[in-house]
PDB file of all heavy atoms in Angstrom:
ATOM      1  N   GLY A   1      -2.019  -9.265   2.874  1.00  0.00           N
ATOM      2  CA  GLY A   1      -1.336  -7.972   2.807  1.00  0.00           C
ATOM      3  C   GLY A   1      -0.178  -8.010   1.837  1.00  0.00           C
ATOM      4  O   GLY A   1       0.295  -9.076   1.448  1.00  0.00           O
ATOM      5  N   GLY A   2       0.274  -6.830   1.463  1.00  0.00           N
ATOM      6  CA  GLY A   2       1.395  -6.747   0.533  1.00  0.00           C
ATOM      7  C   GLY A   2       2.417  -5.724   0.972  1.00  0.00           C
ATOM      8  O   GLY A   2       2.161  -4.897   1.857  1.00  0.00           O
ATOM      9  N   PRO A   3       3.619  -5.768   0.349  1.00  0.00           N
ATOM     10  CA  PRO A   3       4.687  -4.823   0.696  1.00  0.00           C
ATOM     11  C   PRO A   3       4.588  -3.526  -0.120  1.00  0.00           C
ATOM     12  O   PRO A   3       4.525  -3.568  -1.356  1.00  0.00           O
ATOM     13  CB  PRO A   3       5.954  -5.608   0.316  1.00  0.00           C
ATOM     14  CG  PRO A   3       5.525  -6.511  -0.803  1.00  0.00           C
ATOM     15  CD  PRO A   3       4.070  -6.792  -0.622  1.00  0.00           C
ATOM     16  N   PHE A   4       4.569  -2.401   0.570  1.00  0.00           N
ATOM     17  CA  PHE A   4       4.451  -1.095  -0.100  1.00  0.00           C
ATOM     18  C   PHE A   4       5.366  -0.067   0.544  1.00  0.00           C
ATOM     19  O   PHE A   4       5.717  -0.180   1.720  1.00  0.00           O
ATOM     20  CB  PHE A   4       3.000  -0.577  -0.004  1.00  0.00           C
ATOM     21  CG  PHE A   4       2.013  -1.374  -0.794  1.00  0.00           C
ATOM     22  CD1 PHE A   4       1.340  -2.444  -0.219  1.00  0.00           C
ATOM     23  CD2 PHE A   4       1.750  -1.073  -2.129  1.00  0.00           C
ATOM     24  CE1 PHE A   4       0.434  -3.197  -0.944  1.00  0.00           C
ATOM     25  CE2 PHE A   4       0.838  -1.816  -2.868  1.00  0.00           C
ATOM     26  CZ  PHE A   4       0.180  -2.881  -2.273  1.00  0.00           C
ATOM     27  N   TRP A   5       5.727   0.935  -0.268  1.00  0.00           N
ATOM     28  CA  TRP A   5       6.315   2.159   0.258  1.00  0.00           C
ATOM     29  C   TRP A   5       5.150   3.046   0.668  1.00  0.00           C
ATOM     30  O   TRP A   5       4.248   3.302  -0.123  1.00  0.00           O
ATOM     31  CB  TRP A   5       7.156   2.870  -0.805  1.00  0.00           C
ATOM     32  CG  TRP A   5       8.454   2.193  -1.121  1.00  0.00           C
ATOM     33  CD1 TRP A   5       8.731   1.404  -2.185  1.00  0.00           C
ATOM     34  CD2 TRP A   5       9.674   2.286  -0.364  1.00  0.00           C
ATOM     35  NE1 TRP A   5      10.039   0.968  -2.151  1.00  0.00           N
ATOM     36  CE2 TRP A   5      10.641   1.500  -1.038  1.00  0.00           C
ATOM     37  CE3 TRP A   5      10.041   2.935   0.818  1.00  0.00           C
ATOM     38  CZ2 TRP A   5      11.949   1.355  -0.577  1.00  0.00           C
ATOM     39  CZ3 TRP A   5      11.337   2.786   1.287  1.00  0.00           C
ATOM     40  CH2 TRP A   5      12.284   2.018   0.586  1.00  0.00           C
ATOM     41  N   VAL A   6       5.173   3.499   1.934  1.00  0.00           N
ATOM     42  CA  VAL A   6       4.055   4.263   2.482  1.00  0.00           C
ATOM     43  C   VAL A   6       4.545   5.622   2.964  1.00  0.00           C
ATOM     44  O   VAL A   6       5.634   5.734   3.524  1.00  0.00           O
ATOM     45  CB  VAL A   6       3.410   3.459   3.657  1.00  0.00           C
ATOM     46  CG1 VAL A   6       2.460   4.320   4.452  1.00  0.00           C
ATOM     47  CG2 VAL A   6       2.701   2.223   3.114  1.00  0.00           C
ATOM     48  N   LYS A   7       3.706   6.636   2.738  1.00  0.00           N
ATOM     49  CA  LYS A   7       4.055   7.997   3.185  1.00  0.00           C
ATOM     50  C   LYS A   7       3.187   8.350   4.392  1.00  0.00           C
ATOM     51  O   LYS A   7       1.955   8.232   4.327  1.00  0.00           O
ATOM     52  CB  LYS A   7       3.797   8.984   2.044  1.00  0.00           C
ATOM     53  CG  LYS A   7       4.386  10.363   2.283  1.00  0.00           C
ATOM     54  CD  LYS A   7       4.094  11.307   1.118  1.00  0.00           C
ATOM     55  CE  LYS A   7       5.126  11.185   0.029  1.00  0.00           C
ATOM     56  NZ  LYS A   7       4.976  12.224  -1.018  1.00  0.00           N
ATOM     57  N   ASP A   8       3.816   8.762   5.498  1.00  0.00           N
ATOM     58  CA  ASP A   8       3.022   9.123   6.676  1.00  0.00           C
ATOM     59  C   ASP A   8       2.632  10.603   6.647  1.00  0.00           C
ATOM     60  O   ASP A   8       2.923  11.310   5.675  1.00  0.00           O
ATOM     61  CB  ASP A   8       3.764   8.742   7.968  1.00  0.00           C
ATOM     62  CG  ASP A   8       5.014   9.603   8.217  1.00  0.00           C
ATOM     63  OD1 ASP A   8       5.204  10.633   7.543  1.00  0.00           O
ATOM     64  OD2 ASP A   8       5.822   9.222   9.109  1.00  0.00           O
ATOM     65  N   GLU A   9       1.994  11.063   7.716  1.00  0.00           N
ATOM     66  CA  GLU A   9       1.506  12.454   7.759  1.00  0.00           C
ATOM     67  C   GLU A   9       2.630  13.470   7.660  1.00  0.00           C
ATOM     68  O   GLU A   9       2.442  14.588   7.194  1.00  0.00           O
ATOM     69  CB  GLU A   9       0.708  12.687   9.045  1.00  0.00           C
ATOM     70  CG  GLU A   9      -0.637  11.979   9.031  1.00  0.00           C
ATOM     71  CD  GLU A   9      -1.311  11.953  10.389  1.00  0.00           C
ATOM     72  OE1 GLU A   9      -0.630  12.238  11.393  1.00  0.00           O
ATOM     73  OE2 GLU A   9      -2.508  11.659  10.447  1.00  0.00           O
ATOM     74  N   GLY A  10       3.832  13.064   8.103  1.00  0.00           N
ATOM     75  CA  GLY A  10       4.979  13.973   8.023  1.00  0.00           C
ATOM     76  C   GLY A  10       5.748  13.818   6.719  1.00  0.00           C
ATOM     77  O   GLY A  10       6.886  14.273   6.608  1.00  0.00           O
ATOM     78  N   ALA A  11       5.139  13.138   5.739  1.00  0.00           N
ATOM     79  CA  ALA A  11       5.727  12.895   4.410  1.00  0.00           C
ATOM     80  C   ALA A  11       6.972  12.005   4.461  1.00  0.00           C
ATOM     81  O   ALA A  11       7.781  11.996   3.543  1.00  0.00           O
ATOM     82  CB  ALA A  11       6.039  14.215   3.700  1.00  0.00           C
ATOM     83  N   ASN A  12       7.121  11.230   5.566  1.00  0.00           N
ATOM     84  CA  ASN A  12       8.244  10.286   5.671  1.00  0.00           C
ATOM     85  C   ASN A  12       7.884   8.975   4.984  1.00  0.00           C
ATOM     86  O   ASN A  12       6.783   8.458   5.165  1.00  0.00           O
ATOM     87  CB  ASN A  12       8.553   9.996   7.151  1.00  0.00           C
ATOM     88  CG  ASN A  12       8.901  11.262   7.909  1.00  0.00           C
ATOM     89  OD1 ASN A  12       9.858  11.951   7.566  1.00  0.00           O
ATOM     90  ND2 ASN A  12       8.114  11.583   8.919  1.00  0.00           N
ATOM     91  N   LEU A  13       8.838   8.455   4.215  1.00  0.00           N
ATOM     92  CA  LEU A  13       8.610   7.193   3.502  1.00  0.00           C
ATOM     93  C   LEU A  13       9.156   6.017   4.299  1.00  0.00           C
ATOM     94  O   LEU A  13      10.236   6.098   4.886  1.00  0.00           O
ATOM     95  CB  LEU A  13       9.329   7.210   2.151  1.00  0.00           C
ATOM     96  CG  LEU A  13       8.609   7.825   0.942  1.00  0.00           C
ATOM     97  CD1 LEU A  13       9.497   7.691  -0.278  1.00  0.00           C
ATOM     98  CD2 LEU A  13       7.272   7.161   0.683  1.00  0.00           C
ATOM     99  N   SER A  14       8.411   4.908   4.301  1.00  0.00           N
ATOM    100  CA  SER A  14       8.925   3.689   4.938  1.00  0.00           C
ATOM    101  C   SER A  14       8.275   2.475   4.292  1.00  0.00           C
ATOM    102  O   SER A  14       7.236   2.578   3.636  1.00  0.00           O
ATOM    103  CB  SER A  14       8.627   3.695   6.448  1.00  0.00           C
ATOM    104  OG  SER A  14       7.231   3.694   6.659  1.00  0.00           O
ATOM    105  N   LEU A  15       8.904   1.323   4.486  1.00  0.00           N
ATOM    106  CA  LEU A  15       8.340   0.065   3.984  1.00  0.00           C
ATOM    107  C   LEU A  15       7.350  -0.481   4.997  1.00  0.00           C
ATOM    108  O   LEU A  15       7.647  -0.546   6.183  1.00  0.00           O
ATOM    109  CB  LEU A  15       9.461  -0.957   3.759  1.00  0.00           C
ATOM    110  CG  LEU A  15      10.352  -0.729   2.534  1.00  0.00           C
ATOM    111  CD1 LEU A  15      11.543  -1.676   2.567  1.00  0.00           C
ATOM    112  CD2 LEU A  15       9.569  -0.913   1.228  1.00  0.00           C
ATOM    113  N   GLN A  16       6.171  -0.874   4.496  1.00  0.00           N
ATOM    114  CA  GLN A  16       5.127  -1.400   5.381  1.00  0.00           C
ATOM    115  C   GLN A  16       4.424  -2.582   4.719  1.00  0.00           C
ATOM    116  O   GLN A  16       4.349  -2.664   3.492  1.00  0.00           O
ATOM    117  CB  GLN A  16       4.073  -0.316   5.680  1.00  0.00           C
ATOM    118  CG  GLN A  16       4.592   0.934   6.347  1.00  0.00           C
ATOM    119  CD  GLN A  16       5.085   0.711   7.763  1.00  0.00           C
ATOM    120  OE1 GLN A  16       4.745  -0.271   8.414  1.00  0.00           O
ATOM    121  NE2 GLN A  16       5.910   1.631   8.260  1.00  0.00           N
ATOM    122  N   ILE A  17       3.888  -3.470   5.562  1.00  0.00           N
ATOM    123  CA  ILE A  17       2.985  -4.519   5.075  1.00  0.00           C
ATOM    124  C   ILE A  17       1.572  -3.982   5.259  1.00  0.00           C
ATOM    125  O   ILE A  17       1.164  -3.661   6.377  1.00  0.00           O
ATOM    126  CB  ILE A  17       3.165  -5.828   5.878  1.00  0.00           C
ATOM    127  CG1 ILE A  17       4.574  -6.388   5.673  1.00  0.00           C
ATOM    128  CG2 ILE A  17       2.121  -6.861   5.458  1.00  0.00           C
ATOM    129  CD1 ILE A  17       4.938  -7.549   6.602  1.00  0.00           C
ATOM    130  N   VAL A  18       0.859  -3.848   4.153  1.00  0.00           N
ATOM    131  CA  VAL A  18      -0.449  -3.183   4.180  1.00  0.00           C
ATOM    132  C   VAL A  18      -1.543  -4.175   3.771  1.00  0.00           C
ATOM    133  O   VAL A  18      -1.412  -4.883   2.772  1.00  0.00           O
ATOM    134  CB  VAL A  18      -0.458  -1.965   3.223  1.00  0.00           C
ATOM    135  CG1 VAL A  18      -1.801  -1.246   3.278  1.00  0.00           C
ATOM    136  CG2 VAL A  18       0.674  -0.994   3.570  1.00  0.00           C
ATOM    137  N   GLU A  19      -2.618  -4.208   4.552  1.00  0.00           N
ATOM    138  CA  GLU A  19      -3.785  -5.033   4.201  1.00  0.00           C
ATOM    139  C   GLU A  19      -4.684  -4.248   3.249  1.00  0.00           C
ATOM    140  O   GLU A  19      -4.746  -3.017   3.326  1.00  0.00           O
ATOM    141  CB  GLU A  19      -4.585  -5.396   5.467  1.00  0.00           C
ATOM    142  CG  GLU A  19      -3.799  -6.151   6.513  1.00  0.00           C
ATOM    143  CD  GLU A  19      -3.278  -7.498   6.045  1.00  0.00           C
ATOM    144  OE1 GLU A  19      -4.002  -8.203   5.322  1.00  0.00           O
ATOM    145  OE2 GLU A  19      -2.136  -7.839   6.398  1.00  0.00           O
ATOM    146  N   SER A  20      -5.421  -4.955   2.408  1.00  0.00           N
ATOM    147  CA  SER A  20      -6.253  -4.250   1.420  1.00  0.00           C
ATOM    148  C   SER A  20      -7.332  -3.405   2.107  1.00  0.00           C
ATOM    149  O   SER A  20      -7.751  -2.380   1.586  1.00  0.00           O
ATOM    150  CB  SER A  20      -6.877  -5.221   0.421  1.00  0.00           C
ATOM    151  OG  SER A  20      -7.716  -6.118   1.096  1.00  0.00           O
ATOM    152  N   ALA A  21      -7.759  -3.811   3.317  1.00  0.00           N
ATOM    153  CA  ALA A  21      -8.780  -3.045   4.054  1.00  0.00           C
ATOM    154  C   ALA A  21      -8.272  -1.662   4.463  1.00  0.00           C
ATOM    155  O   ALA A  21      -9.063  -0.766   4.773  1.00  0.00           O
ATOM    156  CB  ALA A  21      -9.213  -3.816   5.292  1.00  0.00           C
ATOM    157  N   GLN A  22      -6.938  -1.478   4.468  1.00  0.00           N
ATOM    158  CA  GLN A  22      -6.365  -0.187   4.869  1.00  0.00           C
ATOM    159  C   GLN A  22      -6.237   0.788   3.699  1.00  0.00           C
ATOM    160  O   GLN A  22      -5.806   1.917   3.874  1.00  0.00           O
ATOM    161  CB  GLN A  22      -4.971  -0.408   5.469  1.00  0.00           C
ATOM    162  CG  GLN A  22      -4.945  -1.219   6.746  1.00  0.00           C
ATOM    163  CD  GLN A  22      -3.513  -1.456   7.202  1.00  0.00           C
ATOM    164  OE1 GLN A  22      -2.814  -2.345   6.718  1.00  0.00           O
ATOM    165  NE2 GLN A  22      -3.049  -0.641   8.126  1.00  0.00           N
ATOM    166  N   ILE A  23      -6.593   0.313   2.504  1.00  0.00           N
ATOM    167  CA  ILE A  23      -6.368   1.118   1.293  1.00  0.00           C
ATOM    168  C   ILE A  23      -7.688   1.705   0.797  1.00  0.00           C
ATOM    169  O   ILE A  23      -8.709   1.017   0.753  1.00  0.00           O
ATOM    170  CB  ILE A  23      -5.718   0.247   0.187  1.00  0.00           C
ATOM    171  CG1 ILE A  23      -4.357  -0.277   0.668  1.00  0.00           C
ATOM    172  CG2 ILE A  23      -5.547   1.039  -1.111  1.00  0.00           C
ATOM    173  CD1 ILE A  23      -3.803  -1.423  -0.148  1.00  0.00           C
ATOM    174  N   ASN A  24      -7.647   2.968   0.407  1.00  0.00           N
ATOM    175  CA  ASN A  24      -8.835   3.645  -0.112  1.00  0.00           C
ATOM    176  C   ASN A  24      -9.082   3.225  -1.568  1.00  0.00           C
ATOM    177  O   ASN A  24      -8.494   3.765  -2.499  1.00  0.00           O
ATOM    178  CB  ASN A  24      -8.650   5.163  -0.017  1.00  0.00           C
ATOM    179  CG  ASN A  24      -9.873   5.924  -0.499  1.00  0.00           C
ATOM    180  OD1 ASN A  24     -10.897   5.317  -0.827  1.00  0.00           O
ATOM    181  ND2 ASN A  24      -9.780   7.247  -0.539  1.00  0.00           N
ATOM    182  N   LYS A  25      -9.987   2.248  -1.757  1.00  0.00           N
ATOM    183  CA  LYS A  25     -10.238   1.714  -3.109  1.00  0.00           C
ATOM    184  C   LYS A  25     -10.981   2.720  -4.000  1.00  0.00           C
ATOM    185  O   LYS A  25     -11.088   2.530  -5.201  1.00  0.00           O
ATOM    186  CB  LYS A  25     -11.062   0.415  -3.049  1.00  0.00           C
ATOM    187  CG  LYS A  25     -10.634  -0.584  -2.013  1.00  0.00           C
ATOM    188  CD  LYS A  25      -9.455  -1.418  -2.437  1.00  0.00           C
ATOM    189  CE  LYS A  25      -9.232  -2.617  -1.542  1.00  0.00           C
ATOM    190  NZ  LYS A  25      -9.641  -2.508  -0.153  1.00  0.00           N
ATOM    191  N   LYS A  26     -11.547   3.767  -3.376  1.00  0.00           N
ATOM    192  CA  LYS A  26     -12.279   4.759  -4.182  1.00  0.00           C
ATOM    193  C   LYS A  26     -11.316   5.725  -4.869  1.00  0.00           C
ATOM    194  O   LYS A  26     -11.691   6.459  -5.779  1.00  0.00           O
ATOM    195  CB  LYS A  26     -13.266   5.533  -3.298  1.00  0.00           C
ATOM    196  CG  LYS A  26     -14.444   4.670  -2.867  1.00  0.00           C
ATOM    197  CD  LYS A  26     -15.366   5.419  -1.923  1.00  0.00           C
ATOM    198  CE  LYS A  26     -16.481   4.478  -1.444  1.00  0.00           C
ATOM    199  NZ  LYS A  26     -17.265   5.094  -0.360  1.00  0.00           N
ATOM    200  N   SER A  27     -10.055   5.731  -4.399  1.00  0.00           N
ATOM    201  CA  SER A  27      -9.041   6.591  -5.031  1.00  0.00           C
ATOM    202  C   SER A  27      -8.395   5.828  -6.186  1.00  0.00           C
ATOM    203  O   SER A  27      -7.829   4.754  -5.995  1.00  0.00           O
ATOM    204  CB  SER A  27      -7.969   6.976  -4.004  1.00  0.00           C
ATOM    205  OG  SER A  27      -6.782   7.373  -4.658  1.00  0.00           O
ATOM    206  N   LYS A  28      -8.492   6.402  -7.384  1.00  0.00           N
ATOM    207  CA  LYS A  28      -7.906   5.743  -8.567  1.00  0.00           C
ATOM    208  C   LYS A  28      -6.408   5.565  -8.398  1.00  0.00           C
ATOM    209  O   LYS A  28      -5.837   4.530  -8.756  1.00  0.00           O
ATOM    210  CB  LYS A  28      -8.178   6.595  -9.825  1.00  0.00           C
ATOM    211  CG  LYS A  28      -9.429   6.204 -10.558  1.00  0.00           C
ATOM    212  CD  LYS A  28      -9.499   6.934 -11.891  1.00  0.00           C
ATOM    213  CE  LYS A  28     -10.770   6.508 -12.634  1.00  0.00           C
ATOM    214  NZ  LYS A  28     -10.970   7.315 -13.845  1.00  0.00           N
ATOM    215  N   ILE A  29      -5.752   6.588  -7.855  1.00  0.00           N
ATOM    216  CA  ILE A  29      -4.292   6.545  -7.689  1.00  0.00           C
ATOM    217  C   ILE A  29      -3.906   5.383  -6.774  1.00  0.00           C
ATOM    218  O   ILE A  29      -3.036   4.581  -7.092  1.00  0.00           O
ATOM    219  CB  ILE A  29      -3.764   7.891  -7.128  1.00  0.00           C
ATOM    220  CG1 ILE A  29      -3.983   9.013  -8.150  1.00  0.00           C
ATOM    221  CG2 ILE A  29      -2.278   7.792  -6.770  1.00  0.00           C
ATOM    222  CD1 ILE A  29      -3.737  10.409  -7.623  1.00  0.00           C
ATOM    223  N   GLN A  30      -4.594   5.289  -5.607  1.00  0.00           N
ATOM    224  CA  GLN A  30      -4.277   4.236  -4.644  1.00  0.00           C
ATOM    225  C   GLN A  30      -4.595   2.847  -5.216  1.00  0.00           C
ATOM    226  O   GLN A  30      -3.848   1.895  -5.040  1.00  0.00           O
ATOM    227  CB  GLN A  30      -5.055   4.456  -3.339  1.00  0.00           C
ATOM    228  CG  GLN A  30      -4.668   5.726  -2.592  1.00  0.00           C
ATOM    229  CD  GLN A  30      -3.259   5.668  -1.998  1.00  0.00           C
ATOM    230  OE1 GLN A  30      -3.000   4.946  -1.062  1.00  0.00           O
ATOM    231  NE2 GLN A  30      -2.331   6.425  -2.569  1.00  0.00           N
ATOM    232  N   LYS A  31      -5.711   2.785  -5.950  1.00  0.00           N
ATOM    233  CA  LYS A  31      -6.126   1.510  -6.549  1.00  0.00           C
ATOM    234  C   LYS A  31      -5.106   1.036  -7.589  1.00  0.00           C
ATOM    235  O   LYS A  31      -4.787  -0.152  -7.683  1.00  0.00           O
ATOM    236  CB  LYS A  31      -7.506   1.679  -7.191  1.00  0.00           C
ATOM    237  CG  LYS A  31      -8.307   0.408  -7.220  1.00  0.00           C
ATOM    238  CD  LYS A  31      -9.715   0.686  -7.701  1.00  0.00           C
ATOM    239  CE  LYS A  31     -10.446  -0.621  -7.968  1.00  0.00           C
ATOM    240  NZ  LYS A  31     -11.779  -0.406  -8.509  1.00  0.00           N
ATOM    241  N   ASN A  32      -4.578   1.979  -8.351  1.00  0.00           N
ATOM    242  CA  ASN A  32      -3.575   1.634  -9.376  1.00  0.00           C
ATOM    243  C   ASN A  32      -2.278   1.142  -8.746  1.00  0.00           C
ATOM    244  O   ASN A  32      -1.639   0.224  -9.259  1.00  0.00           O
ATOM    245  CB  ASN A  32      -3.286   2.833 -10.285  1.00  0.00           C
ATOM    246  CG  ASN A  32      -4.407   3.045 -11.301  1.00  0.00           C
ATOM    247  OD1 ASN A  32      -5.138   2.094 -11.604  1.00  0.00           O
ATOM    248  ND2 ASN A  32      -4.558   4.257 -11.807  1.00  0.00           N
ATOM    249  N   ILE A  33      -1.896   1.771  -7.635  1.00  0.00           N
ATOM    250  CA  ILE A  33      -0.678   1.322  -6.932  1.00  0.00           C
ATOM    251  C   ILE A  33      -0.895  -0.110  -6.429  1.00  0.00           C
ATOM    252  O   ILE A  33      -0.015  -0.968  -6.566  1.00  0.00           O
ATOM    253  CB  ILE A  33      -0.323   2.273  -5.759  1.00  0.00           C
ATOM    254  CG1 ILE A  33       0.053   3.662  -6.293  1.00  0.00           C
ATOM    255  CG2 ILE A  33       0.828   1.699  -4.920  1.00  0.00           C
ATOM    256  CD1 ILE A  33       0.195   4.740  -5.228  1.00  0.00           C
ATOM    257  N   LEU A  34      -2.078  -0.354  -5.880  1.00  0.00           N
ATOM    258  CA  LEU A  34      -2.412  -1.691  -5.383  1.00  0.00           C
ATOM    259  C   LEU A  34      -2.304  -2.736  -6.504  1.00  0.00           C
ATOM    260  O   LEU A  34      -1.776  -3.829  -6.318  1.00  0.00           O
ATOM    261  CB  LEU A  34      -3.828  -1.679  -4.795  1.00  0.00           C
ATOM    262  CG  LEU A  34      -4.389  -2.977  -4.224  1.00  0.00           C
ATOM    263  CD1 LEU A  34      -3.516  -3.513  -3.099  1.00  0.00           C
ATOM    264  CD2 LEU A  34      -5.815  -2.786  -3.724  1.00  0.00           C
ATOM    265  N   LYS A  35      -2.778  -2.373  -7.686  1.00  0.00           N
ATOM    266  CA  LYS A  35      -2.740  -3.290  -8.841  1.00  0.00           C
ATOM    267  C   LYS A  35      -1.317  -3.617  -9.271  1.00  0.00           C
ATOM    268  O   LYS A  35      -1.060  -4.660  -9.858  1.00  0.00           O
ATOM    269  CB  LYS A  35      -3.489  -2.666 -10.031  1.00  0.00           C
ATOM    270  CG  LYS A  35      -4.985  -2.855  -9.979  1.00  0.00           C
ATOM    271  CD  LYS A  35      -5.618  -2.246 -11.225  1.00  0.00           C
ATOM    272  CE  LYS A  35      -7.137  -2.273 -11.144  1.00  0.00           C
ATOM    273  NZ  LYS A  35      -7.748  -1.465 -12.213  1.00  0.00           N
ATOM    274  N   LYS A  36      -0.390  -2.709  -9.004  1.00  0.00           N
ATOM    275  CA  LYS A  36       1.000  -2.914  -9.449  1.00  0.00           C
ATOM    276  C   LYS A  36       1.822  -3.754  -8.471  1.00  0.00           C
ATOM    277  O   LYS A  36       3.011  -3.996  -8.707  1.00  0.00           O
ATOM    278  CB  LYS A  36       1.683  -1.550  -9.660  1.00  0.00           C
ATOM    279  CG  LYS A  36       1.170  -0.842 -10.923  1.00  0.00           C
ATOM    280  CD  LYS A  36       1.774   0.535 -11.078  1.00  0.00           C
ATOM    281  CE  LYS A  36       1.189   1.241 -12.299  1.00  0.00           C
ATOM    282  NZ  LYS A  36       1.550   2.661 -12.331  1.00  0.00           N
ATOM    283  N   ALA A  37       1.198  -4.180  -7.382  1.00  0.00           N
ATOM    284  CA  ALA A  37       1.921  -5.001  -6.393  1.00  0.00           C
ATOM    285  C   ALA A  37       2.357  -6.317  -7.040  1.00  0.00           C
ATOM    286  O   ALA A  37       1.558  -6.997  -7.671  1.00  0.00           O
ATOM    287  CB  ALA A  37       1.032  -5.264  -5.191  1.00  0.00           C
ATOM    288  N   THR A  38       3.616  -6.643  -6.901  1.00  0.00           N
ATOM    289  CA  THR A  38       4.157  -7.879  -7.493  1.00  0.00           C
ATOM    290  C   THR A  38       4.291  -8.999  -6.465  1.00  0.00           C
ATOM    291  O   THR A  38       4.460 -10.155  -6.820  1.00  0.00           O
ATOM    292  CB  THR A  38       5.559  -7.613  -8.086  1.00  0.00           C
ATOM    293  OG1 THR A  38       6.395  -7.071  -7.038  1.00  0.00           O
ATOM    294  CG2 THR A  38       5.508  -6.633  -9.240  1.00  0.00           C
ATOM    295  N   HIS A  39       4.235  -8.643  -5.172  1.00  0.00           N
ATOM    296  CA  HIS A  39       4.457  -9.616  -4.102  1.00  0.00           C
ATOM    297  C   HIS A  39       3.402  -9.457  -3.009  1.00  0.00           C
ATOM    298  O   HIS A  39       2.738  -8.419  -2.938  1.00  0.00           O
ATOM    299  CB  HIS A  39       5.847  -9.433  -3.477  1.00  0.00           C
ATOM    300  CG  HIS A  39       6.972  -9.818  -4.392  1.00  0.00           C
ATOM    301  ND1 HIS A  39       7.294  -9.090  -5.519  1.00  0.00           N
ATOM    302  CD2 HIS A  39       7.840 -10.871  -4.353  1.00  0.00           C
ATOM    303  CE1 HIS A  39       8.317  -9.680  -6.132  1.00  0.00           C
ATOM    304  NE2 HIS A  39       8.665 -10.750  -5.445  1.00  0.00           N
ATOM    305  N   PHE A  40       3.270 -10.479  -2.188  1.00  0.00           N
ATOM    306  CA  PHE A  40       2.399 -10.332  -1.022  1.00  0.00           C
ATOM    307  C   PHE A  40       3.027 -11.008   0.192  1.00  0.00           C
ATOM    308  O   PHE A  40       4.024 -11.723   0.081  1.00  0.00           O
ATOM    309  CB  PHE A  40       0.979 -10.826  -1.302  1.00  0.00           C
ATOM    310  CG  PHE A  40       0.847 -12.314  -1.398  1.00  0.00           C
ATOM    311  CD1 PHE A  40       0.457 -13.073  -0.311  1.00  0.00           C
ATOM    312  CD2 PHE A  40       1.090 -12.961  -2.598  1.00  0.00           C
ATOM    313  CE1 PHE A  40       0.339 -14.448  -0.404  1.00  0.00           C
ATOM    314  CE2 PHE A  40       0.961 -14.336  -2.704  1.00  0.00           C
ATOM    315  CZ  PHE A  40       0.580 -15.080  -1.604  1.00  0.00           C
ATOM    316  N   ASN A  41       2.415 -10.744   1.339  1.00  0.00           N
ATOM    317  CA  ASN A  41       2.981 -11.136   2.630  1.00  0.00           C
ATOM    318  C   ASN A  41       2.448 -12.495   3.081  1.00  0.00           C
ATOM    319  O   ASN A  41       1.266 -12.631   3.360  1.00  0.00           O
ATOM    320  CB  ASN A  41       2.595 -10.045   3.656  1.00  0.00           C
ATOM    321  CG  ASN A  41       2.749 -10.517   5.080  1.00  0.00           C
ATOM    322  OD1 ASN A  41       3.757 -11.100   5.432  1.00  0.00           O
ATOM    323  ND2 ASN A  41       1.736 -10.275   5.902  1.00  0.00           N
ATOM    324  N   PRO A  42       3.323 -13.504   3.174  1.00  0.00           N
ATOM    325  CA  PRO A  42       2.870 -14.821   3.626  1.00  0.00           C
ATOM    326  C   PRO A  42       2.956 -15.010   5.142  1.00  0.00           C
ATOM    327  O   PRO A  42       2.758 -16.109   5.641  1.00  0.00           O
ATOM    328  CB  PRO A  42       3.846 -15.770   2.917  1.00  0.00           C
ATOM    329  CG  PRO A  42       5.115 -14.980   2.825  1.00  0.00           C
ATOM    330  CD  PRO A  42       4.739 -13.523   2.730  1.00  0.00           C
ATOM    331  N   VAL A  43       3.246 -13.939   5.883  1.00  0.00           N
ATOM    332  CA  VAL A  43       3.527 -13.980   7.324  1.00  0.00           C
ATOM    333  C   VAL A  43       4.690 -14.942   7.573  1.00  0.00           C
ATOM    334  O   VAL A  43       4.548 -16.049   8.062  1.00  0.00           O
ATOM    335  CB  VAL A  43       2.291 -14.374   8.162  1.00  0.00           C
ATOM    336  CG1 VAL A  43       2.618 -14.236   9.658  1.00  0.00           C
ATOM    337  CG2 VAL A  43       1.094 -13.513   7.810  1.00  0.00           C
TER     338      VAL A  43
END
């Protein structure tokens, strides 16, 4: 997983650790954000 700024249904932003399985790879926008990740979560 990696560290991302995430927007919830109420448009609130927060920091989250996100696994790649939680990301919609079919969306170009989401895929591009994933590619720009500079760090990942070592637990």
